[in-house]
Amino acid sequence: MSNSRLVTSEGAAWLASAETYPRSALAHWRTRPTAPAVLPCGSAFDVVSVPAVFGRRMLDRLWDEGPGSGPVAAHRGRMLLFAAPGTAQRLPSLLEWEEWGSAVPSVLCHGTGDAVTVPPLGATADAPAAGPAARLQSRWLVAPGARHPWLPGPEVMLWACVRAARSMASSAVRISIFPRGDQDAKVYDVSRRR
């Protein structure tokens, strides 16, 4: 996985570009670097929000078998994967068309008209925002480090969702209280016996 865990000044500029007044956002972050921010989606990025465990599986697939990821944050038990604008509109229909919608747990897609809370610029997995409770609340896993970061589109996010769902299905433990039946056993109808 990428070792970029600190938001660089270029990454902060990219995040601020989502705002109507980017300079004001940057000035606010300089005065309050430990405060999370609420940013609009749809222009600079979309966000795909998934449960943390499923998101971790997606992220592992993106880095181990795929092209990598854009910025990624953890916030309140969910993983926020930053994606190319337009992904939020297209991904749900791709999941439905591929018939994976029900196998993928609680995918929330944030695009035009939506906003997301992003971690403070200095909150990483190693340095949480403020105390132990904040570590569980909001932090960067892959922090924005460039003015124009690569962002996965809907097809890449679909690929990651499907791979993560397959890995969850294959690793699920199936336990039965009934012993496995003998395939060669003879079955007799005893319902007519006296």
Protein backbone atom coordinates (compact mmCIF):
# COMPACT_ATOMS: atom_id res chain seq x y z
CA MET A 1 0.00 0.00 0.00
CA SER A 2 1.07 3.58 -0.51
CA ASN A 3 3.22 5.06 2.23
CA SER A 4 1.60 8.48 1.78
CA ARG A 5 -0.13 9.01 5.12
CA LEU A 6 0.29 12.76 5.57
CA VAL A 7 -1.73 15.28 3.64
CA THR A 8 0.75 17.40 1.71
CA SER A 9 0.15 21.06 0.85
CA GLU A 10 -0.67 19.94 -2.71
CA GLY A 11 -3.10 17.36 -1.34
CA ALA A 12 -4.75 20.01 0.83
CA ALA A 13 -5.05 22.26 -2.22
CA TRP A 14 -6.76 19.42 -4.08
CA LEU A 15 -9.21 18.84 -1.22
CA ALA A 16 -9.89 22.57 -1.02
CA SER A 17 -10.59 22.66 -4.78
CA ALA A 18 -13.89 20.92 -4.00
CA GLU A 19 -15.02 24.05 -2.16
CA THR A 20 -16.55 27.12 -3.78
CA TYR A 21 -13.84 29.25 -2.11
CA PRO A 22 -10.69 27.10 -1.95
CA ARG A 23 -8.48 29.85 -0.45
CA SER A 24 -10.88 30.33 2.45
CA ALA A 25 -10.90 26.58 3.10
CA LEU A 26 -7.09 26.48 3.16
CA ALA A 27 -6.95 29.48 5.49
CA HIS A 28 -9.48 27.82 7.81
CA TRP A 29 -7.43 24.58 7.85
CA ARG A 30 -4.28 26.51 8.74
CA THR A 31 -6.00 27.99 11.80
CA ARG A 32 -7.69 24.70 12.79
CA PRO A 33 -5.50 21.82 11.54
CA THR A 34 -7.02 19.30 13.96
CA ALA A 35 -10.63 19.92 12.91
CA PRO A 36 -12.37 17.66 10.40
CA ALA A 37 -13.90 19.32 7.36
CA VAL A 38 -17.11 18.80 5.42
CA LEU A 39 -16.48 18.90 1.68
CA PRO A 40 -18.88 18.78 -1.25
CA CYS A 41 -18.60 15.87 -3.66
CA GLY A 42 -19.09 15.81 -7.39
CA SER A 43 -16.57 18.30 -8.76
CA ALA A 44 -13.09 17.28 -7.57
CA PHE A 45 -14.06 13.79 -6.40
CA ASP A 46 -16.84 11.39 -5.50
CA VAL A 47 -16.67 9.16 -2.43
CA VAL A 48 -17.64 5.50 -2.10
CA SER A 49 -18.39 4.73 1.56
CA VAL A 50 -18.40 1.09 2.68
CA PRO A 51 -18.26 -0.74 6.03
CA ALA A 52 -14.68 -0.78 7.35
CA VAL A 53 -14.01 -4.53 7.03
CA PHE A 54 -15.37 -4.69 3.48
CA GLY A 55 -13.48 -1.50 2.64
CA ARG A 56 -10.27 -3.03 3.90
CA ARG A 57 -10.82 -5.99 1.58
CA MET A 58 -11.47 -3.61 -1.32
CA LEU A 59 -8.34 -1.64 -0.51
CA ASP A 60 -6.25 -4.80 -0.29
CA ARG A 61 -7.53 -5.90 -3.72
CA LEU A 62 -6.85 -2.47 -5.23
CA TRP A 63 -3.24 -2.46 -4.00
CA ASP A 64 -2.38 -6.17 -4.29
CA GLU A 65 -4.08 -7.05 -7.57
CA GLY A 66 -5.14 -3.77 -9.15
CA PRO A 67 -4.05 -0.25 -9.98
CA GLY A 68 -3.92 1.11 -6.41
CA SER A 69 -6.30 3.63 -4.93
CA GLY A 70 -6.84 7.32 -4.61
CA PRO A 71 -7.04 8.89 -1.15
CA VAL A 72 -8.77 6.77 1.50
CA ALA A 73 -10.07 7.78 4.91
CA ALA A 74 -11.65 5.92 7.82
CA HIS A 75 -14.59 7.68 9.44
CA ARG A 76 -16.99 6.30 12.09
CA GLY A 77 -16.66 2.64 11.18
CA ARG A 78 -16.74 3.20 7.44
CA MET A 79 -14.07 3.51 4.82
CA LEU A 80 -14.25 6.44 2.42
CA LEU A 81 -12.66 5.67 -0.94
CA PHE A 82 -12.18 8.78 -3.05
CA ALA A 83 -13.14 8.16 -6.66
CA ALA A 84 -13.40 10.01 -9.96
CA PRO A 85 -16.36 12.38 -10.34
CA GLY A 86 -19.32 10.50 -11.79
CA THR A 87 -18.54 7.26 -9.94
CA ALA A 88 -21.34 7.81 -7.41
CA GLN A 89 -23.92 7.98 -10.17
CA ARG A 90 -22.65 4.99 -12.13
CA LEU A 91 -21.43 2.44 -9.54
CA PRO A 92 -24.83 1.43 -8.08
CA SER A 93 -26.22 0.64 -11.53
CA LEU A 94 -23.06 -1.33 -12.44
CA LEU A 95 -23.39 -3.39 -9.25
CA GLU A 96 -27.05 -4.04 -10.04
CA TRP A 97 -26.34 -4.89 -13.68
CA GLU A 98 -23.57 -7.30 -12.69
CA GLU A 99 -26.00 -8.75 -10.10
CA TRP A 100 -23.58 -8.09 -7.23
CA GLY A 101 -25.71 -5.47 -5.51
CA SER A 102 -26.96 -7.80 -2.77
CA ALA A 103 -23.51 -9.39 -2.21
CA VAL A 104 -21.85 -6.05 -1.53
CA PRO A 105 -22.72 -4.70 1.93
CA SER A 106 -24.08 -1.18 2.29
CA VAL A 107 -22.30 0.79 -0.43
CA LEU A 108 -23.08 4.50 -0.11
CA CYS A 109 -22.08 6.60 -3.10
CA HIS A 110 -21.62 10.34 -2.57
CA GLY A 111 -21.61 12.53 -5.66
CA THR A 112 -23.02 15.81 -6.90
CA GLY A 113 -25.21 17.39 -4.22
CA ASP A 114 -23.66 15.35 -1.39
CA ALA A 115 -21.00 16.23 1.16
CA VAL A 116 -18.69 14.09 3.28
CA THR A 117 -16.73 14.65 6.47
CA VAL A 118 -13.01 14.22 5.90
CA PRO A 119 -10.41 13.76 8.64
CA PRO A 120 -8.23 16.62 9.83
CA LEU A 121 -5.24 17.19 7.58
CA GLY A 122 -2.84 15.70 10.14
CA ALA A 123 -4.95 12.71 11.24
CA THR A 124 -3.35 9.46 10.08
CA ALA A 125 -3.50 5.89 11.31
CA ASP A 126 -0.30 6.67 13.26
CA ALA A 127 -1.31 10.12 14.52
CA PRO A 128 -5.04 10.39 15.27
CA ALA A 129 -6.74 13.75 15.51
CA ALA A 130 -7.23 14.04 19.27
CA GLY A 131 -6.91 11.15 21.70
CA PRO A 132 -7.74 7.46 21.52
CA ALA A 133 -11.44 7.94 20.75
CA ALA A 134 -10.60 10.02 17.68
CA ARG A 135 -8.50 7.15 16.36
CA LEU A 136 -11.74 5.26 15.82
CA GLN A 137 -13.52 8.29 14.44
CA SER A 138 -11.63 9.83 11.56
CA ARG A 139 -8.16 9.34 10.03
CA TRP A 140 -6.38 9.17 6.68
CA LEU A 141 -5.28 5.73 5.51
CA VAL A 142 -4.01 6.98 2.15
CA ALA A 143 -3.72 10.75 2.40
CA PRO A 144 -3.99 13.12 -0.56
CA GLY A 145 -0.46 13.90 -1.66
CA ALA A 146 -0.82 15.48 -5.11
CA ARG A 147 -2.65 18.40 -6.68
CA HIS A 148 -4.25 16.03 -9.20
CA PRO A 149 -4.28 12.53 -7.62
CA TRP A 150 -5.25 9.49 -9.65
CA LEU A 151 -8.80 8.51 -8.77
CA PRO A 152 -10.41 5.18 -9.65
CA GLY A 153 -13.50 5.32 -11.81
CA PRO A 154 -16.71 3.29 -11.52
CA GLU A 155 -15.31 0.26 -13.38
CA VAL A 156 -12.30 -0.01 -11.05
CA MET A 157 -14.53 0.40 -7.99
CA LEU A 158 -16.90 -2.28 -9.37
CA TRP A 159 -13.92 -4.61 -9.87
CA ALA A 160 -12.76 -3.99 -6.28
CA CYS A 161 -16.28 -4.52 -4.87
CA VAL A 162 -16.72 -7.79 -6.75
CA ARG A 163 -13.26 -9.08 -5.73
CA ALA A 164 -13.88 -8.15 -2.09
CA ALA A 165 -17.35 -9.79 -2.14
CA ARG A 166 -15.88 -12.96 -3.67
CA SER A 167 -13.15 -13.09 -1.04
CA MET A 168 -15.72 -12.67 1.73
CA ALA A 169 -17.89 -15.44 0.26
CA SER A 170 -14.98 -17.86 -0.11
CA SER A 171 -13.65 -17.18 3.38
CA ALA A 172 -17.01 -17.49 5.11
CA VAL A 173 -17.11 -20.39 7.52
CA ARG A 174 -20.02 -22.68 6.90
CA ILE A 175 -21.03 -24.67 9.96
CA SER A 176 -23.88 -27.11 10.03
CA ILE A 177 -25.36 -28.91 13.00
CA PHE A 178 -26.17 -31.81 10.69
CA PRO A 179 -23.45 -34.25 9.65
CA ARG A 180 -22.73 -34.37 5.97
CA GLY A 181 -24.84 -37.03 4.31
CA ASP A 182 -23.29 -40.14 2.84
CA GLN A 183 -23.64 -39.74 -0.94
CA ASP A 184 -23.69 -43.55 -1.48
CA ALA A 185 -26.30 -44.32 1.18
CA LYS A 186 -29.46 -46.13 0.14
CA VAL A 187 -32.68 -44.38 1.07
CA TYR A 188 -35.79 -46.40 1.86
CA ASP A 189 -39.33 -45.09 2.09
CA VAL A 190 -40.54 -46.20 5.52
CA SER A 191 -43.76 -44.21 5.54
CA ARG A 192 -45.84 -47.22 4.47
CA ARG A 193 -44.53 -49.64 7.08
CA ARG A 194 -46.94 -51.04 9.63
